[in-house]
Amino acid sequence: MENIIKIALAILFFLCLLDMPYAYFQLVRFAALIGFVVLAYKANQQSRQTEMLIFGALALLFQPFFKIALGRDLWNIVDVIVGVGLLVSLMKNSKK
């Protein structure tokens, strides 16, 4: 389940680089909030405190209720970093 969430979120973040309508970005924010909360909960259950804090912080960053205005270019950088980070954590966890 965690792997599916990570892959789905990474794909959503990479698609943010394309010229998408504003509603897509709203969808990504809701999906990211839910996905990162689930990942933080799972990490907490498995006593992975560092991952729990990272996923919790990402849930706060992407949450759609109190928007953080970073500008399109900076958000694109954040999307790429988070997407790559999710894929790296996916490969790291699969090696274990």
N, C-alpha and C. Protein backbone atom coordinates (compact mmCIF):
# COMPACT_ATOMS: atom_id res chain seq x y z
N MET A 1 0.82 -1.20 0.00
CA MET A 1 0.00 0.00 0.00
C MET A 1 0.87 1.26 0.00
N GLU A 2 1.92 1.26 0.83
CA GLU A 2 2.80 2.43 0.88
C GLU A 2 3.46 2.67 -0.47
N ASN A 3 3.87 1.59 -1.12
CA ASN A 3 4.52 1.74 -2.43
C ASN A 3 3.59 2.35 -3.46
N ILE A 4 2.35 1.94 -3.45
CA ILE A 4 1.36 2.47 -4.40
C ILE A 4 1.15 3.97 -4.15
N ILE A 5 1.06 4.35 -2.89
CA ILE A 5 0.87 5.77 -2.56
C ILE A 5 2.07 6.58 -3.02
N LYS A 6 3.27 6.07 -2.77
CA LYS A 6 4.48 6.80 -3.16
C LYS A 6 4.57 6.95 -4.68
N ILE A 7 4.28 5.90 -5.41
CA ILE A 7 4.33 5.96 -6.88
C ILE A 7 3.27 6.92 -7.41
N ALA A 8 2.06 6.81 -6.88
CA ALA A 8 0.97 7.69 -7.34
C ALA A 8 1.28 9.15 -7.07
N LEU A 9 1.78 9.45 -5.88
CA LEU A 9 2.12 10.84 -5.55
C LEU A 9 3.26 11.35 -6.42
N ALA A 10 4.26 10.51 -6.65
CA ALA A 10 5.38 10.94 -7.49
C ALA A 10 4.89 11.27 -8.90
N ILE A 11 4.02 10.44 -9.45
CA ILE A 11 3.47 10.70 -10.78
C ILE A 11 2.68 12.01 -10.79
N LEU A 12 1.85 12.21 -9.76
CA LEU A 12 1.08 13.45 -9.67
C LEU A 12 2.00 14.67 -9.61
N PHE A 13 3.07 14.57 -8.84
CA PHE A 13 4.00 15.71 -8.73
C PHE A 13 4.72 15.98 -10.04
N PHE A 14 5.13 14.93 -10.74
CA PHE A 14 5.81 15.14 -12.02
C PHE A 14 4.86 15.71 -13.06
N LEU A 15 3.59 15.34 -13.00
CA LEU A 15 2.61 15.90 -13.94
C LEU A 15 2.35 17.38 -13.66
N CYS A 16 2.68 17.85 -12.47
CA CYS A 16 2.53 19.26 -12.15
C CYS A 16 3.46 20.14 -12.98
N LEU A 17 4.48 19.55 -13.58
CA LEU A 17 5.40 20.30 -14.42
C LEU A 17 4.76 20.69 -15.75
N LEU A 18 3.71 19.99 -16.13
CA LEU A 18 3.01 20.29 -17.37
C LEU A 18 2.05 21.46 -17.16
N ASP A 19 1.56 22.00 -18.24
CA ASP A 19 0.60 23.10 -18.17
C ASP A 19 -0.79 22.52 -17.88
N MET A 20 -1.13 22.44 -16.61
CA MET A 20 -2.39 21.83 -16.18
C MET A 20 -3.33 22.91 -15.67
N PRO A 21 -4.65 22.63 -15.70
CA PRO A 21 -5.60 23.60 -15.14
C PRO A 21 -5.44 23.68 -13.61
N TYR A 22 -5.90 24.77 -13.04
CA TYR A 22 -5.75 25.00 -11.61
C TYR A 22 -6.42 23.90 -10.78
N ALA A 23 -7.51 23.35 -11.28
CA ALA A 23 -8.21 22.29 -10.54
C ALA A 23 -7.32 21.07 -10.34
N TYR A 24 -6.42 20.82 -11.27
CA TYR A 24 -5.49 19.69 -11.11
C TYR A 24 -4.60 19.90 -9.90
N PHE A 25 -4.10 21.12 -9.73
CA PHE A 25 -3.22 21.41 -8.60
C PHE A 25 -3.97 21.28 -7.27
N GLN A 26 -5.24 21.65 -7.28
CA GLN A 26 -6.07 21.46 -6.08
C GLN A 26 -6.22 19.97 -5.77
N LEU A 27 -6.45 19.18 -6.81
CA LEU A 27 -6.55 17.73 -6.63
C LEU A 27 -5.25 17.16 -6.07
N VAL A 28 -4.14 17.63 -6.59
CA VAL A 28 -2.83 17.15 -6.12
C VAL A 28 -2.64 17.51 -4.65
N ARG A 29 -3.06 18.69 -4.25
CA ARG A 29 -2.91 19.11 -2.85
C ARG A 29 -3.72 18.21 -1.92
N PHE A 30 -4.97 17.90 -2.31
CA PHE A 30 -5.79 17.01 -1.49
C PHE A 30 -5.20 15.60 -1.46
N ALA A 31 -4.78 15.10 -2.62
CA ALA A 31 -4.21 13.76 -2.69
C ALA A 31 -2.92 13.68 -1.88
N ALA A 32 -2.09 14.73 -1.96
CA ALA A 32 -0.84 14.77 -1.21
C ALA A 32 -1.11 14.79 0.30
N LEU A 33 -2.08 15.58 0.71
CA LEU A 33 -2.42 15.63 2.14
C LEU A 33 -2.81 14.25 2.64
N ILE A 34 -3.73 13.62 1.94
CA ILE A 34 -4.19 12.29 2.36
C ILE A 34 -3.06 11.27 2.29
N GLY A 35 -2.32 11.28 1.18
CA GLY A 35 -1.24 10.31 1.01
C GLY A 35 -0.15 10.46 2.06
N PHE A 36 0.26 11.70 2.32
CA PHE A 36 1.33 11.91 3.30
C PHE A 36 0.86 11.63 4.73
N VAL A 37 -0.39 11.88 5.02
CA VAL A 37 -0.91 11.53 6.36
C VAL A 37 -0.90 10.02 6.54
N VAL A 38 -1.31 9.29 5.51
CA VAL A 38 -1.29 7.82 5.59
C VAL A 38 0.15 7.32 5.73
N LEU A 39 1.06 7.87 4.94
CA LEU A 39 2.46 7.46 5.03
C LEU A 39 3.06 7.80 6.40
N ALA A 40 2.71 8.95 6.95
CA ALA A 40 3.20 9.32 8.28
C ALA A 40 2.64 8.36 9.34
N TYR A 41 1.38 8.01 9.22
CA TYR A 41 0.76 7.08 10.17
C TYR A 41 1.44 5.70 10.11
N LYS A 42 1.67 5.22 8.89
CA LYS A 42 2.33 3.91 8.72
C LYS A 42 3.76 3.95 9.27
N ALA A 43 4.47 5.05 9.02
CA ALA A 43 5.84 5.18 9.54
C ALA A 43 5.83 5.21 11.06
N ASN A 44 4.85 5.88 11.65
CA ASN A 44 4.74 5.92 13.10
C ASN A 44 4.47 4.53 13.67
N GLN A 45 3.62 3.77 13.00
CA GLN A 45 3.32 2.41 13.45
C GLN A 45 4.56 1.52 13.43
N GLN A 46 5.45 1.79 12.49
CA GLN A 46 6.65 0.98 12.34
C GLN A 46 7.85 1.61 13.06
N SER A 47 7.59 2.60 13.91
CA SER A 47 8.62 3.28 14.71
C SER A 47 9.73 3.90 13.86
N ARG A 48 9.34 4.44 12.72
CA ARG A 48 10.29 5.17 11.86
C ARG A 48 9.99 6.65 12.05
N GLN A 49 10.53 7.21 13.11
CA GLN A 49 10.18 8.57 13.52
C GLN A 49 10.63 9.62 12.52
N THR A 50 11.81 9.44 11.93
CA THR A 50 12.30 10.43 10.96
C THR A 50 11.38 10.51 9.76
N GLU A 51 11.00 9.35 9.23
CA GLU A 51 10.08 9.33 8.09
C GLU A 51 8.73 9.93 8.47
N MET A 52 8.27 9.62 9.68
CA MET A 52 7.00 10.17 10.13
C MET A 52 7.03 11.69 10.14
N LEU A 53 8.12 12.27 10.64
CA LEU A 53 8.25 13.73 10.67
C LEU A 53 8.32 14.32 9.26
N ILE A 54 9.05 13.67 8.38
CA ILE A 54 9.15 14.16 7.00
C ILE A 54 7.80 14.13 6.32
N PHE A 55 7.09 13.01 6.42
CA PHE A 55 5.79 12.89 5.77
C PHE A 55 4.77 13.84 6.41
N GLY A 56 4.87 14.04 7.71
CA GLY A 56 3.99 15.00 8.38
C GLY A 56 4.24 16.42 7.91
N ALA A 57 5.51 16.77 7.77
CA ALA A 57 5.86 18.11 7.27
C ALA A 57 5.39 18.30 5.83
N LEU A 58 5.52 17.26 5.01
CA LEU A 58 5.05 17.34 3.62
C LEU A 58 3.53 17.46 3.57
N ALA A 59 2.83 16.78 4.48
CA ALA A 59 1.37 16.92 4.54
C ALA A 59 0.99 18.36 4.84
N LEU A 60 1.73 18.99 5.75
CA LEU A 60 1.46 20.40 6.07
C LEU A 60 1.80 21.32 4.91
N LEU A 61 2.88 21.02 4.21
CA LEU A 61 3.29 21.86 3.09
C LEU A 61 2.27 21.82 1.95
N PHE A 62 1.74 20.64 1.66
CA PHE A 62 0.84 20.49 0.52
C PHE A 62 -0.64 20.63 0.87
N GLN A 63 -0.96 20.79 2.14
CA GLN A 63 -2.37 20.85 2.54
C GLN A 63 -3.08 22.00 1.81
N PRO A 64 -4.34 21.80 1.42
CA PRO A 64 -5.02 22.78 0.58
C PRO A 64 -5.77 23.88 1.33
N PHE A 65 -5.78 23.88 2.63
CA PHE A 65 -6.63 24.80 3.38
C PHE A 65 -5.98 26.15 3.62
N PHE A 66 -4.71 26.16 4.00
CA PHE A 66 -3.96 27.39 4.19
C PHE A 66 -2.78 27.34 3.21
N LYS A 67 -3.02 27.86 2.04
CA LYS A 67 -2.06 27.72 0.95
C LYS A 67 -0.78 28.49 1.21
N ILE A 68 0.32 27.86 0.84
CA ILE A 68 1.63 28.49 0.93
C ILE A 68 1.97 28.97 -0.48
N ALA A 69 2.09 30.27 -0.66
CA ALA A 69 2.35 30.85 -1.98
C ALA A 69 3.86 30.88 -2.23
N LEU A 70 4.33 29.96 -3.06
CA LEU A 70 5.75 29.90 -3.39
C LEU A 70 6.03 30.35 -4.81
N GLY A 71 5.01 30.47 -5.62
CA GLY A 71 5.21 30.80 -7.03
C GLY A 71 5.38 29.54 -7.85
N ARG A 72 5.02 29.63 -9.10
CA ARG A 72 5.02 28.45 -9.98
C ARG A 72 6.40 27.79 -10.09
N ASP A 73 7.44 28.59 -10.30
CA ASP A 73 8.78 28.03 -10.48
C ASP A 73 9.28 27.30 -9.24
N LEU A 74 9.07 27.90 -8.09
CA LEU A 74 9.51 27.27 -6.84
C LEU A 74 8.70 26.01 -6.54
N TRP A 75 7.40 26.06 -6.81
CA TRP A 75 6.58 24.86 -6.61
C TRP A 75 7.04 23.74 -7.53
N ASN A 76 7.44 24.06 -8.76
CA ASN A 76 7.94 23.03 -9.67
C ASN A 76 9.19 22.37 -9.11
N ILE A 77 10.07 23.17 -8.52
CA ILE A 77 11.28 22.62 -7.90
C ILE A 77 10.90 21.71 -6.73
N VAL A 78 9.98 22.18 -5.90
CA VAL A 78 9.52 21.37 -4.75
C VAL A 78 8.90 20.07 -5.24
N ASP A 79 8.05 20.15 -6.28
CA ASP A 79 7.41 18.95 -6.81
C ASP A 79 8.44 17.92 -7.29
N VAL A 80 9.46 18.39 -7.99
CA VAL A 80 10.49 17.47 -8.49
C VAL A 80 11.27 16.87 -7.33
N ILE A 81 11.67 17.68 -6.37
CA ILE A 81 12.44 17.17 -5.22
C ILE A 81 11.63 16.14 -4.44
N VAL A 82 10.36 16.43 -4.19
CA VAL A 82 9.52 15.51 -3.43
C VAL A 82 9.25 14.24 -4.24
N GLY A 83 8.99 14.39 -5.54
CA GLY A 83 8.76 13.22 -6.40
C GLY A 83 9.97 12.31 -6.44
N VAL A 84 11.15 12.89 -6.62
CA VAL A 84 12.37 12.09 -6.65
C VAL A 84 12.61 11.46 -5.27
N GLY A 85 12.37 12.23 -4.22
CA GLY A 85 12.53 11.69 -2.86
C GLY A 85 11.62 10.51 -2.60
N LEU A 86 10.40 10.57 -3.09
CA LEU A 86 9.48 9.44 -2.92
C LEU A 86 9.98 8.21 -3.66
N LEU A 87 10.48 8.40 -4.87
CA LEU A 87 10.99 7.27 -5.64
C LEU A 87 12.26 6.70 -5.01
N VAL A 88 13.11 7.56 -4.47
CA VAL A 88 14.32 7.08 -3.79
C VAL A 88 13.94 6.29 -2.54
N SER A 89 12.98 6.79 -1.77
CA SER A 89 12.56 6.06 -0.56
C SER A 89 11.89 4.74 -0.93
N LEU A 90 11.25 4.71 -2.08
CA LEU A 90 10.64 3.47 -2.56
C LEU A 90 11.73 2.44 -2.86
N MET A 91 12.79 2.86 -3.56
CA MET A 91 13.89 1.94 -3.88
C MET A 91 14.66 1.54 -2.63
N LYS A 92 14.81 2.49 -1.71
CA LYS A 92 15.54 2.20 -0.46
C LYS A 92 14.79 1.14 0.36
N ASN A 93 13.48 1.29 0.45
CA ASN A 93 12.67 0.34 1.23
C ASN A 93 12.58 -1.01 0.53
N SER A 94 12.65 -1.04 -0.80
CA SER A 94 12.55 -2.33 -1.50
C SER A 94 13.83 -3.13 -1.35
N LYS A 95 14.97 -2.46 -1.10
CA LYS A 95 16.23 -3.17 -0.90
C LYS A 95 16.30 -3.84 0.46
N LYS A 96 15.48 -3.36 1.41
CA LYS A 96 15.52 -3.92 2.77
C LYS A 96 14.85 -5.24 2.84
